């Protein structure tokens, strides 16, 4: 088994996304928190980098959208609009 640099980057990226999801489910992070957004952003970027070795259009599409959503969430969090709005009766 010959693991290249892009494989390692993809593994780390995958672990970041999974770790963010675990922390969210465990109640240790909020979905609108800075750490959650950064883990998803860098995780998706890492998985995208791993496609350098063997391209996969489905994974590419998923990770590009994941990255865009993460940037959107990060922008909302940084400008203070990350907290969910409660509906008024």
N, C-alpha and C. Protein backbone atom coordinates (compact mmCIF):
# COMPACT_ATOMS: atom_id res chain seq x y z
N UNK A 1 0.86 -1.18 0.00
CA UNK A 1 0.00 0.00 0.00
C UNK A 1 0.90 1.24 0.00
N UNK A 2 0.71 2.08 -1.02
CA UNK A 2 1.52 3.27 -1.16
C UNK A 2 0.63 4.50 -0.93
N UNK A 3 0.74 5.11 0.22
CA UNK A 3 -0.09 6.26 0.56
C UNK A 3 0.69 7.54 0.24
N UNK A 4 0.09 8.37 -0.59
CA UNK A 4 0.69 9.63 -1.02
C UNK A 4 0.26 10.77 -0.09
N UNK A 5 0.87 11.94 -0.27
CA UNK A 5 0.56 13.10 0.57
C UNK A 5 -0.92 13.47 0.48
N UNK A 6 -1.50 13.39 -0.72
CA UNK A 6 -2.90 13.77 -0.89
C UNK A 6 -3.84 12.78 -0.20
N UNK A 7 -3.40 11.53 -0.07
CA UNK A 7 -4.19 10.56 0.69
C UNK A 7 -4.23 10.95 2.17
N UNK A 8 -3.07 11.33 2.70
CA UNK A 8 -3.00 11.75 4.11
C UNK A 8 -3.84 12.99 4.35
N UNK A 9 -3.79 13.94 3.42
CA UNK A 9 -4.59 15.16 3.55
C UNK A 9 -6.08 14.80 3.53
N UNK A 10 -6.47 13.89 2.66
CA UNK A 10 -7.86 13.45 2.59
C UNK A 10 -8.32 12.72 3.84
N UNK A 11 -7.43 11.90 4.40
CA UNK A 11 -7.76 11.19 5.65
C UNK A 11 -7.96 12.18 6.78
N UNK A 12 -7.06 13.14 6.90
CA UNK A 12 -7.20 14.16 7.95
C UNK A 12 -8.48 14.97 7.73
N UNK A 13 -8.76 15.33 6.47
CA UNK A 13 -9.99 16.07 6.17
C UNK A 13 -11.23 15.29 6.55
N UNK A 14 -11.24 14.02 6.21
CA UNK A 14 -12.38 13.16 6.57
C UNK A 14 -12.55 13.09 8.08
N UNK A 15 -11.45 12.92 8.79
CA UNK A 15 -11.52 12.86 10.25
C UNK A 15 -12.01 14.17 10.85
N UNK A 16 -11.64 15.29 10.23
CA UNK A 16 -12.12 16.60 10.73
C UNK A 16 -13.63 16.72 10.58
N UNK A 17 -14.15 16.33 9.42
CA UNK A 17 -15.59 16.42 9.19
C UNK A 17 -16.33 15.47 10.15
N UNK A 18 -15.84 14.27 10.28
CA UNK A 18 -16.47 13.31 11.19
C UNK A 18 -16.39 13.74 12.64
N UNK A 19 -15.26 14.31 13.04
CA UNK A 19 -15.09 14.78 14.41
C UNK A 19 -16.05 15.94 14.69
N UNK A 20 -16.21 16.85 13.73
CA UNK A 20 -17.16 17.95 13.89
C UNK A 20 -18.57 17.42 14.07
N UNK A 21 -18.92 16.44 13.26
CA UNK A 21 -20.26 15.85 13.36
C UNK A 21 -20.46 15.14 14.69
N UNK A 22 -19.45 14.41 15.12
CA UNK A 22 -19.53 13.74 16.42
C UNK A 22 -19.72 14.76 17.55
N UNK A 23 -18.90 15.81 17.54
CA UNK A 23 -19.01 16.83 18.60
C UNK A 23 -20.37 17.51 18.58
N UNK A 24 -20.92 17.72 17.39
CA UNK A 24 -22.26 18.30 17.28
C UNK A 24 -23.30 17.37 17.89
N UNK A 25 -23.24 16.08 17.54
CA UNK A 25 -24.20 15.11 18.05
C UNK A 25 -24.04 14.89 19.56
N UNK A 26 -22.82 15.01 20.06
CA UNK A 26 -22.56 14.83 21.48
C UNK A 26 -22.91 16.07 22.30
N UNK A 27 -23.32 17.13 21.63
CA UNK A 27 -23.69 18.36 22.33
C UNK A 27 -22.49 19.17 22.79
N UNK A 28 -21.31 18.90 22.25
CA UNK A 28 -20.09 19.62 22.65
C UNK A 28 -19.85 20.86 21.79
N UNK A 29 -20.49 20.92 20.63
CA UNK A 29 -20.38 22.06 19.73
C UNK A 29 -21.78 22.45 19.27
N UNK A 30 -21.89 23.70 18.86
CA UNK A 30 -23.13 24.17 18.24
C UNK A 30 -22.88 24.28 16.75
N UNK A 31 -23.89 24.02 15.96
CA UNK A 31 -23.76 24.06 14.51
C UNK A 31 -23.41 25.43 13.97
N UNK A 32 -23.62 26.47 14.75
CA UNK A 32 -23.29 27.82 14.30
C UNK A 32 -22.01 28.34 14.95
N UNK A 33 -21.27 27.46 15.61
CA UNK A 33 -20.03 27.88 16.27
C UNK A 33 -18.85 27.93 15.32
N UNK A 34 -17.88 28.74 15.66
CA UNK A 34 -16.70 28.93 14.83
C UNK A 34 -15.91 27.64 14.62
N UNK A 35 -15.68 26.89 15.67
CA UNK A 35 -14.90 25.65 15.55
C UNK A 35 -15.59 24.65 14.63
N UNK A 36 -16.89 24.51 14.76
CA UNK A 36 -17.65 23.60 13.90
C UNK A 36 -17.50 24.00 12.43
N UNK A 37 -17.64 25.29 12.16
CA UNK A 37 -17.52 25.78 10.79
C UNK A 37 -16.12 25.55 10.23
N UNK A 38 -15.10 25.81 11.04
CA UNK A 38 -13.72 25.64 10.58
C UNK A 38 -13.37 24.17 10.34
N UNK A 39 -13.84 23.29 11.22
CA UNK A 39 -13.59 21.87 11.02
C UNK A 39 -14.21 21.39 9.70
N UNK A 40 -15.41 21.85 9.41
CA UNK A 40 -16.06 21.47 8.16
C UNK A 40 -15.37 22.09 6.95
N UNK A 41 -14.97 23.34 7.06
CA UNK A 41 -14.30 24.02 5.96
C UNK A 41 -12.98 23.34 5.59
N UNK A 42 -12.11 23.16 6.58
CA UNK A 42 -10.81 22.56 6.31
C UNK A 42 -10.93 21.06 6.02
N UNK A 43 -11.92 20.42 6.61
CA UNK A 43 -12.15 19.01 6.32
C UNK A 43 -12.55 18.80 4.87
N UNK A 44 -13.49 19.61 4.39
CA UNK A 44 -13.92 19.51 2.99
C UNK A 44 -12.77 19.84 2.05
N UNK A 45 -11.96 20.84 2.40
CA UNK A 45 -10.80 21.19 1.56
C UNK A 45 -9.81 20.03 1.50
N UNK A 46 -9.63 19.35 2.62
CA UNK A 46 -8.73 18.20 2.65
C UNK A 46 -9.21 17.06 1.78
N UNK A 47 -10.50 16.80 1.83
CA UNK A 47 -11.06 15.73 0.99
C UNK A 47 -10.93 16.12 -0.48
N UNK A 48 -11.17 17.39 -0.80
CA UNK A 48 -11.00 17.84 -2.18
C UNK A 48 -9.56 17.67 -2.64
N UNK A 49 -8.60 17.98 -1.77
CA UNK A 49 -7.19 17.82 -2.13
C UNK A 49 -6.86 16.35 -2.42
N UNK A 50 -7.53 15.45 -1.72
CA UNK A 50 -7.26 14.02 -1.92
C UNK A 50 -7.68 13.55 -3.32
N UNK A 51 -8.56 14.30 -3.97
CA UNK A 51 -9.01 13.94 -5.31
C UNK A 51 -7.93 14.16 -6.36
N UNK A 52 -6.84 14.79 -5.96
CA UNK A 52 -5.70 14.97 -6.86
C UNK A 52 -5.17 13.61 -7.32
N UNK A 53 -5.20 12.64 -6.42
CA UNK A 53 -4.70 11.30 -6.74
C UNK A 53 -5.63 10.50 -7.62
N UNK A 54 -6.90 10.52 -7.32
CA UNK A 54 -7.89 9.79 -8.12
C UNK A 54 -9.18 10.59 -8.07
N UNK A 55 -9.52 11.21 -9.18
CA UNK A 55 -10.68 12.09 -9.24
C UNK A 55 -11.97 11.29 -9.20
N UNK A 56 -12.95 11.85 -8.48
CA UNK A 56 -14.28 11.26 -8.38
C UNK A 56 -15.27 12.41 -8.43
N UNK A 57 -16.07 12.49 -9.47
CA UNK A 57 -16.97 13.62 -9.67
C UNK A 57 -18.01 13.75 -8.55
N UNK A 58 -18.52 12.64 -8.06
CA UNK A 58 -19.54 12.68 -7.00
C UNK A 58 -18.95 13.25 -5.71
N UNK A 59 -17.77 12.80 -5.34
CA UNK A 59 -17.13 13.31 -4.12
C UNK A 59 -16.75 14.77 -4.32
N UNK A 60 -16.28 15.11 -5.51
CA UNK A 60 -15.92 16.50 -5.80
C UNK A 60 -17.13 17.42 -5.64
N UNK A 61 -18.25 17.04 -6.22
CA UNK A 61 -19.47 17.84 -6.12
C UNK A 61 -19.90 17.99 -4.66
N UNK A 62 -19.90 16.88 -3.93
CA UNK A 62 -20.29 16.91 -2.53
C UNK A 62 -19.40 17.84 -1.72
N UNK A 63 -18.09 17.74 -1.91
CA UNK A 63 -17.16 18.54 -1.12
C UNK A 63 -17.14 20.01 -1.53
N UNK A 64 -17.38 20.31 -2.80
CA UNK A 64 -17.48 21.71 -3.22
C UNK A 64 -18.69 22.36 -2.56
N UNK A 65 -19.82 21.67 -2.59
CA UNK A 65 -21.03 22.20 -1.94
C UNK A 65 -20.81 22.30 -0.43
N UNK A 66 -20.18 21.30 0.17
CA UNK A 66 -19.88 21.31 1.61
C UNK A 66 -19.01 22.51 1.95
N UNK A 67 -18.03 22.79 1.11
CA UNK A 67 -17.12 23.91 1.30
C UNK A 67 -17.88 25.23 1.20
N UNK A 68 -18.73 25.37 0.20
CA UNK A 68 -19.51 26.60 0.01
C UNK A 68 -20.43 26.84 1.21
N UNK A 69 -21.10 25.80 1.65
CA UNK A 69 -21.99 25.94 2.81
C UNK A 69 -21.18 26.30 4.06
N UNK A 70 -20.01 25.72 4.20
CA UNK A 70 -19.15 26.04 5.35
C UNK A 70 -18.70 27.49 5.32
N UNK A 71 -18.35 28.00 4.14
CA UNK A 71 -17.96 29.41 4.01
C UNK A 71 -19.14 30.31 4.36
N UNK A 72 -20.33 29.95 3.89
CA UNK A 72 -21.53 30.71 4.22
C UNK A 72 -21.77 30.72 5.73
N UNK A 73 -21.70 29.55 6.36
CA UNK A 73 -21.89 29.48 7.80
C UNK A 73 -20.83 30.23 8.57
N UNK A 74 -19.59 30.15 8.11
CA UNK A 74 -18.50 30.88 8.75
C UNK A 74 -18.73 32.39 8.65
N UNK A 75 -19.14 32.85 7.49
CA UNK A 75 -19.42 34.28 7.30
C UNK A 75 -20.54 34.74 8.22
N UNK A 76 -21.59 33.94 8.33
CA UNK A 76 -22.70 34.28 9.25
C UNK A 76 -22.22 34.32 10.69
N UNK A 77 -21.41 33.33 11.06
CA UNK A 77 -20.92 33.27 12.43
C UNK A 77 -20.04 34.47 12.74
N UNK A 78 -19.15 34.81 11.83
CA UNK A 78 -18.22 35.92 12.07
C UNK A 78 -18.91 37.28 12.11
N UNK A 79 -19.99 37.42 11.36
CA UNK A 79 -20.69 38.72 11.41
C UNK A 79 -21.76 38.75 12.50
N UNK A 80 -21.88 37.67 13.26
CA UNK A 80 -22.78 37.67 14.41
C UNK A 80 -24.18 37.18 14.10
N UNK A 81 -24.41 36.67 12.92
CA UNK A 81 -25.74 36.21 12.56
C UNK A 81 -25.87 34.70 12.60
N UNK A 82 -24.95 34.03 13.29
CA UNK A 82 -24.94 32.59 13.30
C UNK A 82 -25.99 31.95 14.18
N UNK A 83 -26.50 32.69 15.15
CA UNK A 83 -27.49 32.11 16.06
C UNK A 83 -28.82 31.95 15.33
N UNK A 84 -29.45 30.79 15.50
CA UNK A 84 -30.74 30.58 14.83
C UNK A 84 -31.80 31.54 15.37
N UNK A 85 -32.63 31.99 14.47
CA UNK A 85 -33.71 32.90 14.87
C UNK A 85 -34.91 32.07 15.32
N UNK A 86 -35.51 32.49 16.43
CA UNK A 86 -36.69 31.79 16.91
C UNK A 86 -37.92 32.45 16.30
N UNK A 87 -38.83 31.65 15.81
CA UNK A 87 -40.03 32.23 15.20
C UNK A 87 -40.89 32.93 16.24
N UNK A 88 -41.49 34.02 15.85
CA UNK A 88 -42.39 34.74 16.75
C UNK A 88 -43.81 34.29 16.47
N UNK A 89 -44.58 34.09 17.54
CA UNK A 89 -45.97 33.62 17.35
C UNK A 89 -46.88 34.67 16.78
